[in-house]
Amino acid sequence: MSTTTTMNINLKIWRQQNKDAKGSIQDYKLGNVSPDMSFLEMLDMLNEELITSGDDPVAFDHDCREGICGMCSLMINGEAHGPQKLTTTCQLHMRSFNDGDTIVIEPFRAKAFPVHKDLMVDRSAFDEIIAAGGFISMNAGNAPDGNAIPIGKENADLSMDAAACIGCGACVASCENASAMLFTSAKISQLALLPQGKAESAERAQAMVNKMDELGFGNCTNAAECEASCPKGINLTNIARMNREYFKAAISK
């Protein structure tokens, strides 16, 4: 952890003009970096310098900058979202680094996550998985009273834990197989654990898993890198639940 007022940082950043271009790592030096800056504020600072000098700024994804939206997906020194556990890139601060450090910044890489430009990737494959079945389509009428449908605390807690997934794609980027099973299983689990999701559970599991495979994501081999890199701590047990839901649906046909 840095104890200096400001830091000098060496940056190695992946630059790629468009999805068809061949990219490469470019070197940058950045001075007067405050340890209290967020990682994205540091990139903003770099871009201000690049724009002032007439160079093309580094393109990167961001939105809420509050660890909610999942847009700020970067590989930082080979780790999804950087060295701080349970932290998104936008919540990472420069005090996690030291004066004179070299930081390598790359986009998330997977067959299903093509690079648009520089550090921006197309993660719309996740939207396609959700569109395949990650919802409740039955007409349930007006919103019921909160206590009208008793739900055990254990299932309610597990469902809320799964629903914490922000769809950032860190699980895919950190997996040697580029598997989306942690993401898909979280979206299946958050509904499968609740009575409102039971009626369509079979169709949901099959449709979402089949879409995941169709999009080119790999299989899970239990390396658990997905769980280790997830900024929201989504548990690997969701994958076991997804498998049970999928095989139950296959057997019941």
C-alpha atoms as a PDB file:
ATOM      1  CA  MET A   1       0.000   0.000   0.000  1.00  0.00           C
ATOM      2  CA  SER A   2       1.348   3.386  -0.997  1.00  0.00           C
ATOM      3  CA  THR A   3       2.336   5.885   1.713  1.00  0.00           C
ATOM      4  CA  THR A   4       3.319   8.694  -0.700  1.00  0.00           C
ATOM      5  CA  THR A   5       1.215  11.785  -1.411  1.00  0.00           C
ATOM      6  CA  THR A   6       1.201  11.113  -5.143  1.00  0.00           C
ATOM      7  CA  MET A   7       2.500   8.263  -7.271  1.00  0.00           C
ATOM      8  CA  ASN A   8       4.130   7.694 -10.626  1.00  0.00           C
ATOM      9  CA  ILE A   9       2.546   4.761 -12.436  1.00  0.00           C
ATOM     10  CA  ASN A  10       3.674   2.861 -15.525  1.00  0.00           C
ATOM     11  CA  LEU A  11       0.722   1.648 -17.563  1.00  0.00           C
ATOM     12  CA  LYS A  12       0.645  -1.077 -20.196  1.00  0.00           C
ATOM     13  CA  ILE A  13      -2.752  -0.828 -21.893  1.00  0.00           C
ATOM     14  CA  TRP A  14      -4.309  -2.906 -24.649  1.00  0.00           C
ATOM     15  CA  ARG A  15      -5.149  -0.664 -27.622  1.00  0.00           C
ATOM     16  CA  GLN A  16      -7.307  -1.940 -30.468  1.00  0.00           C
ATOM     17  CA  GLN A  17      -8.896   0.386 -33.001  1.00  0.00           C
ATOM     18  CA  ASN A  18     -11.928  -1.801 -33.730  1.00  0.00           C
ATOM     19  CA  LYS A  19     -13.109  -5.417 -33.582  1.00  0.00           C
ATOM     20  CA  ASP A  20     -11.397  -6.271 -36.871  1.00  0.00           C
ATOM     21  CA  ALA A  21      -8.056  -4.606 -36.095  1.00  0.00           C
ATOM     22  CA  LYS A  22      -5.046  -6.287 -34.563  1.00  0.00           C
ATOM     23  CA  GLY A  23      -4.428  -4.870 -31.109  1.00  0.00           C
ATOM     24  CA  SER A  24      -1.260  -4.434 -29.061  1.00  0.00           C
ATOM     25  CA  ILE A  25      -0.024  -3.293 -25.666  1.00  0.00           C
ATOM     26  CA  GLN A  26       0.937   0.387 -25.513  1.00  0.00           C
ATOM     27  CA  ASP A  27       3.088   1.967 -22.766  1.00  0.00           C
ATOM     28  CA  TYR A  28       2.110   5.123 -20.867  1.00  0.00           C
ATOM     29  CA  LYS A  29       3.583   6.952 -17.895  1.00  0.00           C
ATOM     30  CA  LEU A  30       1.312   8.826 -15.516  1.00  0.00           C
ATOM     31  CA  GLY A  31       2.479  11.079 -12.718  1.00  0.00           C
ATOM     32  CA  ASN A  32       0.805  12.858  -9.798  1.00  0.00           C
ATOM     33  CA  VAL A  33      -1.609   9.990  -9.236  1.00  0.00           C
ATOM     34  CA  SER A  34      -3.360  10.322  -5.878  1.00  0.00           C
ATOM     35  CA  PRO A  35      -3.721   7.118  -3.823  1.00  0.00           C
ATOM     36  CA  ASP A  36      -7.288   8.253  -3.112  1.00  0.00           C
ATOM     37  CA  MET A  37      -8.246   8.144  -6.804  1.00  0.00           C
ATOM     38  CA  SER A  38     -10.417   5.302  -7.993  1.00  0.00           C
ATOM     39  CA  PHE A  39      -8.942   3.179 -10.767  1.00  0.00           C
ATOM     40  CA  LEU A  40     -11.342   4.678 -13.298  1.00  0.00           C
ATOM     41  CA  GLU A  41     -10.470   8.211 -12.168  1.00  0.00           C
ATOM     42  CA  MET A  42      -6.857   7.334 -12.909  1.00  0.00           C
ATOM     43  CA  LEU A  43      -7.887   6.284 -16.435  1.00  0.00           C
ATOM     44  CA  ASP A  44      -9.861   9.532 -16.758  1.00  0.00           C
ATOM     45  CA  MET A  45      -6.693  11.409 -15.833  1.00  0.00           C
ATOM     46  CA  LEU A  46      -4.723   9.530 -18.486  1.00  0.00           C
ATOM     47  CA  ASN A  47      -7.378  10.273 -21.093  1.00  0.00           C
ATOM     48  CA  GLU A  48      -7.314  13.988 -20.270  1.00  0.00           C
ATOM     49  CA  GLU A  49      -3.584  13.994 -20.959  1.00  0.00           C
ATOM     50  CA  LEU A  50      -4.031  12.026 -24.190  1.00  0.00           C
ATOM     51  CA  ILE A  51      -6.778  14.342 -25.447  1.00  0.00           C
ATOM     52  CA  THR A  52      -4.715  17.433 -24.554  1.00  0.00           C
ATOM     53  CA  SER A  53      -1.791  16.074 -26.563  1.00  0.00           C
ATOM     54  CA  GLY A  54      -4.052  15.258 -29.525  1.00  0.00           C
ATOM     55  CA  ASP A  55      -4.012  11.484 -29.057  1.00  0.00           C
ATOM     56  CA  ASP A  56      -6.941   9.063 -29.081  1.00  0.00           C
ATOM     57  CA  PRO A  57      -8.224   8.432 -25.525  1.00  0.00           C
ATOM     58  CA  VAL A  58      -8.445   4.898 -24.164  1.00  0.00           C
ATOM     59  CA  ALA A  59     -11.962   3.509 -24.609  1.00  0.00           C
ATOM     60  CA  PHE A  60     -13.301   1.631 -21.588  1.00  0.00           C
ATOM     61  CA  ASP A  61     -16.731   0.683 -20.258  1.00  0.00           C
ATOM     62  CA  HIS A  62     -18.223   2.419 -17.231  1.00  0.00           C
ATOM     63  CA  ASP A  63     -21.574   3.634 -15.973  1.00  0.00           C
ATOM     64  CA  CYS A  64     -22.645   3.805 -12.327  1.00  0.00           C
ATOM     65  CA  ARG A  65     -19.148   3.774 -10.778  1.00  0.00           C
ATOM     66  CA  GLU A  66     -20.760   2.417  -7.613  1.00  0.00           C
ATOM     67  CA  GLY A  67     -20.186  -1.322  -8.053  1.00  0.00           C
ATOM     68  CA  ILE A  68     -23.755  -1.926  -9.211  1.00  0.00           C
ATOM     69  CA  CYS A  69     -23.939  -2.065 -13.010  1.00  0.00           C
ATOM     70  CA  GLY A  70     -21.015  -4.394 -13.814  1.00  0.00           C
ATOM     71  CA  MET A  71     -19.808  -2.309 -16.766  1.00  0.00           C
ATOM     72  CA  CYS A  72     -16.296  -1.576 -15.447  1.00  0.00           C
ATOM     73  CA  SER A  73     -14.892  -4.936 -16.482  1.00  0.00           C
ATOM     74  CA  LEU A  74     -11.106  -4.896 -16.829  1.00  0.00           C
ATOM     75  CA  MET A  75      -8.283  -7.390 -16.417  1.00  0.00           C
ATOM     76  CA  ILE A  76      -5.753  -5.680 -14.150  1.00  0.00           C
ATOM     77  CA  ASN A  77      -2.385  -7.421 -13.860  1.00  0.00           C
ATOM     78  CA  GLY A  78      -4.087 -10.611 -14.983  1.00  0.00           C
ATOM     79  CA  GLU A  79      -6.923 -10.466 -12.439  1.00  0.00           C
ATOM     80  CA  ALA A  80     -10.538  -9.654 -13.241  1.00  0.00           C
ATOM     81  CA  HIS A  81     -11.337  -6.322 -11.537  1.00  0.00           C
ATOM     82  CA  GLY A  82      -7.850  -6.209 -10.012  1.00  0.00           C
ATOM     83  CA  PRO A  83      -6.209  -7.397  -6.790  1.00  0.00           C
ATOM     84  CA  GLN A  84      -8.895  -6.413  -4.273  1.00  0.00           C
ATOM     85  CA  LYS A  85     -11.346  -9.234  -3.544  1.00  0.00           C
ATOM     86  CA  LEU A  86     -15.108  -8.603  -3.702  1.00  0.00           C
ATOM     87  CA  THR A  87     -14.435  -5.308  -5.465  1.00  0.00           C
ATOM     88  CA  THR A  88     -15.381  -4.033  -8.911  1.00  0.00           C
ATOM     89  CA  THR A  89     -12.876  -2.030 -10.949  1.00  0.00           C
ATOM     90  CA  CYS A  90     -14.717   1.219 -10.196  1.00  0.00           C
ATOM     91  CA  GLN A  91     -14.454   0.521  -6.448  1.00  0.00           C
ATOM     92  CA  LEU A  92     -10.732  -0.239  -6.675  1.00  0.00           C
ATOM     93  CA  HIS A  93      -8.509   2.628  -5.484  1.00  0.00           C
ATOM     94  CA  MET A  94      -4.963   3.485  -6.414  1.00  0.00           C
ATOM     95  CA  ARG A  95      -3.869   2.971  -2.814  1.00  0.00           C
ATOM     96  CA  SER A  96      -3.898  -0.730  -3.707  1.00  0.00           C
ATOM     97  CA  PHE A  97      -0.758  -0.012  -5.764  1.00  0.00           C
ATOM     98  CA  ASN A  98       2.648   1.497  -5.011  1.00  0.00           C
ATOM     99  CA  ASP A  99       4.681   4.351  -6.416  1.00  0.00           C
ATOM    100  CA  GLY A 100       6.533   3.158  -9.527  1.00  0.00           C
ATOM    101  CA  ASP A 101       4.303   0.116 -10.100  1.00  0.00           C
ATOM    102  CA  THR A 102       3.648  -1.200 -13.587  1.00  0.00           C
ATOM    103  CA  ILE A 103      -0.017  -1.997 -14.195  1.00  0.00           C
ATOM    104  CA  VAL A 104      -1.129  -4.099 -17.165  1.00  0.00           C
ATOM    105  CA  ILE A 105      -4.712  -3.365 -18.250  1.00  0.00           C
ATOM    106  CA  GLU A 106      -6.520  -5.559 -20.752  1.00  0.00           C
ATOM    107  CA  PRO A 107     -10.133  -6.224 -21.773  1.00  0.00           C
ATOM    108  CA  PHE A 108     -12.042  -9.311 -20.711  1.00  0.00           C
ATOM    109  CA  ARG A 109     -11.281 -11.995 -23.294  1.00  0.00           C
ATOM    110  CA  ALA A 110     -13.614 -14.757 -24.454  1.00  0.00           C
ATOM    111  CA  LYS A 111     -14.987 -16.007 -27.755  1.00  0.00           C
ATOM    112  CA  ALA A 112     -18.429 -14.750 -26.757  1.00  0.00           C
ATOM    113  CA  PHE A 113     -17.034 -11.352 -25.599  1.00  0.00           C
ATOM    114  CA  PRO A 114     -15.562  -9.746 -28.756  1.00  0.00           C
ATOM    115  CA  VAL A 115     -13.511  -6.573 -28.241  1.00  0.00           C
ATOM    116  CA  HIS A 116     -15.170  -3.446 -29.681  1.00  0.00           C
ATOM    117  CA  LYS A 117     -12.313  -1.036 -29.091  1.00  0.00           C
ATOM    118  CA  ASP A 118      -9.403  -0.895 -26.647  1.00  0.00           C
ATOM    119  CA  LEU A 119     -10.842  -2.104 -23.310  1.00  0.00           C
ATOM    120  CA  MET A 120     -14.501  -2.189 -24.402  1.00  0.00           C
ATOM    121  CA  VAL A 121     -16.049  -5.609 -24.978  1.00  0.00           C
ATOM    122  CA  ASP A 122     -19.434  -6.733 -26.255  1.00  0.00           C
ATOM    123  CA  ARG A 123     -21.110  -8.700 -23.458  1.00  0.00           C
ATOM    124  CA  SER A 124     -24.541  -8.801 -25.061  1.00  0.00           C
ATOM    125  CA  ALA A 125     -24.251 -12.609 -25.004  1.00  0.00           C
ATOM    126  CA  PHE A 126     -25.325 -12.360 -21.351  1.00  0.00           C
ATOM    127  CA  ASP A 127     -28.457 -10.484 -22.446  1.00  0.00           C
ATOM    128  CA  GLU A 128     -29.254 -13.330 -24.854  1.00  0.00           C
ATOM    129  CA  ILE A 129     -28.990 -15.876 -22.024  1.00  0.00           C
ATOM    130  CA  ILE A 130     -31.398 -13.819 -19.904  1.00  0.00           C
ATOM    131  CA  ALA A 131     -33.776 -13.388 -22.860  1.00  0.00           C
ATOM    132  CA  ALA A 132     -33.830 -17.173 -23.299  1.00  0.00           C
ATOM    133  CA  GLY A 133     -35.534 -17.714 -19.934  1.00  0.00           C
ATOM    134  CA  GLY A 134     -34.259 -15.579 -17.074  1.00  0.00           C
ATOM    135  CA  PHE A 135     -37.669 -14.201 -16.195  1.00  0.00           C
ATOM    136  CA  ILE A 136     -41.167 -15.127 -14.993  1.00  0.00           C
ATOM    137  CA  SER A 137     -43.673 -14.798 -17.824  1.00  0.00           C
ATOM    138  CA  MET A 138     -46.846 -15.998 -16.075  1.00  0.00           C
ATOM    139  CA  ASN A 139     -49.501 -13.413 -15.286  1.00  0.00           C
ATOM    140  CA  ALA A 140     -49.490 -13.188 -11.515  1.00  0.00           C
ATOM    141  CA  GLY A 141     -52.005 -10.344 -11.255  1.00  0.00           C
ATOM    142  CA  ASN A 142     -51.409  -7.469  -8.875  1.00  0.00           C
ATOM    143  CA  ALA A 143     -48.493  -7.449  -6.469  1.00  0.00           C
ATOM    144  CA  PRO A 144     -49.406  -9.631  -3.475  1.00  0.00           C
ATOM    145  CA  ASP A 145     -48.905  -8.682   0.134  1.00  0.00           C
ATOM    146  CA  GLY A 146     -45.293  -9.244   1.174  1.00  0.00           C
ATOM    147  CA  ASN A 147     -46.250 -12.005   3.602  1.00  0.00           C
ATOM    148  CA  ALA A 148     -48.881 -13.713   1.426  1.00  0.00           C
ATOM    149  CA  ILE A 149     -46.462 -16.359   0.140  1.00  0.00           C
ATOM    150  CA  PRO A 150     -44.391 -17.840   2.986  1.00  0.00           C
ATOM    151  CA  ILE A 151     -40.794 -18.423   1.902  1.00  0.00           C
ATOM    152  CA  GLY A 152     -38.251 -20.082   4.164  1.00  0.00           C
ATOM    153  CA  LYS A 153     -35.443 -17.785   5.273  1.00  0.00           C
ATOM    154  CA  GLU A 154     -32.739 -20.098   3.919  1.00  0.00           C
ATOM    155  CA  ASN A 155     -34.211 -20.098   0.401  1.00  0.00           C
ATOM    156  CA  ALA A 156     -34.937 -16.384   0.542  1.00  0.00           C
ATOM    157  CA  ASP A 157     -31.341 -15.650   1.541  1.00  0.00           C
ATOM    158  CA  LEU A 158     -29.900 -17.948  -1.129  1.00  0.00           C
ATOM    159  CA  SER A 159     -32.124 -16.364  -3.777  1.00  0.00           C
ATOM    160  CA  MET A 160     -31.030 -12.863  -2.763  1.00  0.00           C
ATOM    161  CA  ASP A 161     -27.387 -13.946  -2.785  1.00  0.00           C
ATOM    162  CA  ALA A 162     -27.768 -15.256  -6.346  1.00  0.00           C
ATOM    163  CA  ALA A 163     -29.627 -12.113  -7.404  1.00  0.00           C
ATOM    164  CA  ALA A 164     -26.602 -10.058  -6.344  1.00  0.00           C
ATOM    165  CA  CYS A 165     -24.889 -11.076  -9.621  1.00  0.00           C
ATOM    166  CA  ILE A 166     -24.299  -7.912 -11.685  1.00  0.00           C
ATOM    167  CA  GLY A 167     -23.448  -9.713 -14.929  1.00  0.00           C
ATOM    168  CA  CYS A 168     -19.984  -8.168 -15.216  1.00  0.00           C
ATOM    169  CA  GLY A 169     -18.428 -11.242 -16.847  1.00  0.00           C
ATOM    170  CA  ALA A 170     -15.488 -11.638 -14.456  1.00  0.00           C
ATOM    171  CA  CYS A 171     -16.407 -15.319 -14.133  1.00  0.00           C
ATOM    172  CA  VAL A 172     -16.027 -15.803 -17.893  1.00  0.00           C
ATOM    173  CA  ALA A 173     -12.810 -13.802 -18.138  1.00  0.00           C
ATOM    174  CA  SER A 174     -11.102 -15.672 -15.299  1.00  0.00           C
ATOM    175  CA  CYS A 175     -12.168 -19.168 -16.368  1.00  0.00           C
ATOM    176  CA  GLU A 176      -9.714 -21.178 -18.474  1.00  0.00           C
ATOM    177  CA  ASN A 177     -12.718 -22.459 -20.448  1.00  0.00           C
ATOM    178  CA  ALA A 178     -14.478 -19.061 -20.693  1.00  0.00           C
ATOM    179  CA  SER A 179     -17.472 -20.665 -18.995  1.00  0.00           C
ATOM    180  CA  ALA A 180     -20.587 -18.627 -18.204  1.00  0.00           C
ATOM    181  CA  MET A 181     -21.965 -21.232 -15.827  1.00  0.00           C
ATOM    182  CA  LEU A 182     -21.625 -19.113 -12.679  1.00  0.00           C
ATOM    183  CA  PHE A 183     -23.555 -16.236 -14.267  1.00  0.00           C
ATOM    184  CA  THR A 184     -26.207 -18.514 -15.792  1.00  0.00           C
ATOM    185  CA  SER A 185     -26.607 -20.539 -12.608  1.00  0.00           C
ATOM    186  CA  ALA A 186     -27.046 -17.390 -10.513  1.00  0.00           C
ATOM    187  CA  LYS A 187     -29.818 -16.171 -12.812  1.00  0.00           C
ATOM    188  CA  ILE A 188     -31.489 -19.595 -12.712  1.00  0.00           C
ATOM    189  CA  SER A 189     -31.066 -19.964  -8.938  1.00  0.00           C
ATOM    190  CA  GLN A 190     -32.575 -16.612  -7.995  1.00  0.00           C
ATOM    191  CA  LEU A 191     -35.882 -17.801  -9.507  1.00  0.00           C
ATOM    192  CA  ALA A 192     -35.650 -21.563  -8.895  1.00  0.00           C
ATOM    193  CA  LEU A 193     -35.437 -21.002  -5.134  1.00  0.00           C
ATOM    194  CA  LEU A 194     -38.708 -19.051  -4.992  1.00  0.00           C
ATOM    195  CA  PRO A 195     -42.257 -20.395  -5.425  1.00  0.00           C
ATOM    196  CA  GLN A 196     -42.945 -17.785  -8.136  1.00  0.00           C
ATOM    197  CA  GLY A 197     -40.251 -19.356 -10.295  1.00  0.00           C
ATOM    198  CA  LYS A 198     -41.212 -23.003  -9.873  1.00  0.00           C
ATOM    199  CA  ALA A 199     -43.847 -23.217 -12.602  1.00  0.00           C
ATOM    200  CA  GLU A 200     -41.377 -22.475 -15.411  1.00  0.00           C
ATOM    201  CA  SER A 201     -38.252 -23.928 -13.804  1.00  0.00           C
ATOM    202  CA  ALA A 202     -37.801 -26.793 -16.283  1.00  0.00           C
ATOM    203  CA  GLU A 203     -38.190 -24.674 -19.408  1.00  0.00           C
ATOM    204  CA  ARG A 204     -36.023 -21.936 -17.910  1.00  0.00           C
ATOM    205  CA  ALA A 205     -33.061 -24.173 -17.064  1.00  0.00           C
ATOM    206  CA  GLN A 206     -33.038 -25.917 -20.417  1.00  0.00           C
ATOM    207  CA  ALA A 207     -33.472 -22.748 -22.470  1.00  0.00           C
ATOM    208  CA  MET A 208     -30.785 -20.764 -20.654  1.00  0.00           C
ATOM    209  CA  VAL A 209     -28.215 -23.569 -20.608  1.00  0.00           C
ATOM    210  CA  ASN A 210     -28.819 -24.357 -24.273  1.00  0.00           C
ATOM    211  CA  LYS A 211     -28.444 -20.683 -25.207  1.00  0.00           C
ATOM    212  CA  MET A 212     -25.228 -20.480 -23.158  1.00  0.00           C
ATOM    213  CA  ASP A 213     -23.786 -23.424 -25.106  1.00  0.00           C
ATOM    214  CA  GLU A 214     -24.996 -22.035 -28.432  1.00  0.00           C
ATOM    215  CA  LEU A 215     -23.178 -18.739 -27.814  1.00  0.00           C
ATOM    216  CA  GLY A 216     -19.816 -20.489 -27.471  1.00  0.00           C
ATOM    217  CA  PHE A 217     -19.160 -20.355 -23.737  1.00  0.00           C
ATOM    218  CA  GLY A 218     -17.100 -23.238 -22.358  1.00  0.00           C
ATOM    219  CA  ASN A 219     -17.923 -25.856 -19.752  1.00  0.00           C
ATOM    220  CA  CYS A 220     -17.154 -25.821 -16.047  1.00  0.00           C
ATOM    221  CA  THR A 221     -14.244 -27.977 -14.852  1.00  0.00           C
ATOM    222  CA  ASN A 222     -14.486 -26.891 -11.192  1.00  0.00           C
ATOM    223  CA  ALA A 223     -11.348 -24.749 -11.138  1.00  0.00           C
ATOM    224  CA  ALA A 224     -13.384 -22.238  -9.056  1.00  0.00           C
ATOM    225  CA  GLU A 225     -11.633 -19.199 -10.552  1.00  0.00           C
ATOM    226  CA  CYS A 226     -15.100 -17.798 -11.295  1.00  0.00           C
ATOM    227  CA  GLU A 227     -16.072 -17.735  -7.623  1.00  0.00           C
ATOM    228  CA  ALA A 228     -12.667 -16.337  -6.605  1.00  0.00           C
ATOM    229  CA  SER A 229     -12.875 -13.418  -9.045  1.00  0.00           C
ATOM    230  CA  CYS A 230     -16.578 -12.573  -8.638  1.00  0.00           C
ATOM    231  CA  PRO A 231     -16.900  -9.074  -7.138  1.00  0.00           C
ATOM    232  CA  LYS A 232     -20.227 -10.050  -5.536  1.00  0.00           C
ATOM    233  CA  GLY A 233     -19.108 -13.398  -4.105  1.00  0.00           C
ATOM    234  CA  ILE A 234     -21.550 -15.561  -6.081  1.00  0.00           C
ATOM    235  CA  ASN A 235     -21.184 -19.103  -4.747  1.00  0.00           C
ATOM    236  CA  LEU A 236     -20.148 -22.097  -6.840  1.00  0.00           C
ATOM    237  CA  THR A 237     -23.012 -24.130  -5.357  1.00  0.00           C
ATOM    238  CA  ASN A 238     -25.334 -22.312  -7.778  1.00  0.00           C
ATOM    239  CA  ILE A 239     -23.775 -24.326 -10.609  1.00  0.00           C
ATOM    240  CA  ALA A 240     -24.737 -27.568  -8.842  1.00  0.00           C
ATOM    241  CA  ARG A 241     -28.291 -26.262  -8.487  1.00  0.00           C
ATOM    242  CA  MET A 242     -28.413 -25.331 -12.165  1.00  0.00           C
ATOM    243  CA  ASN A 243     -27.234 -28.816 -13.136  1.00  0.00           C
ATOM    244  CA  ARG A 244     -29.937 -30.390 -10.976  1.00  0.00           C
ATOM    245  CA  GLU A 245     -32.592 -28.164 -12.542  1.00  0.00           C
ATOM    246  CA  TYR A 246     -31.355 -28.995 -16.027  1.00  0.00           C
ATOM    247  CA  PHE A 247     -31.210 -32.757 -15.531  1.00  0.00           C
ATOM    248  CA  LYS A 248     -34.575 -32.813 -13.745  1.00  0.00           C
ATOM    249  CA  ALA A 249     -36.079 -31.115 -16.775  1.00  0.00           C
ATOM    250  CA  ALA A 250     -34.420 -33.587 -19.159  1.00  0.00           C
ATOM    251  CA  ILE A 251     -35.634 -36.618 -17.191  1.00  0.00           C
ATOM    252  CA  SER A 252     -39.181 -35.346 -16.849  1.00  0.00           C
ATOM    253  CA  LYS A 253     -39.673 -35.093 -20.617  1.00  0.00           C
END
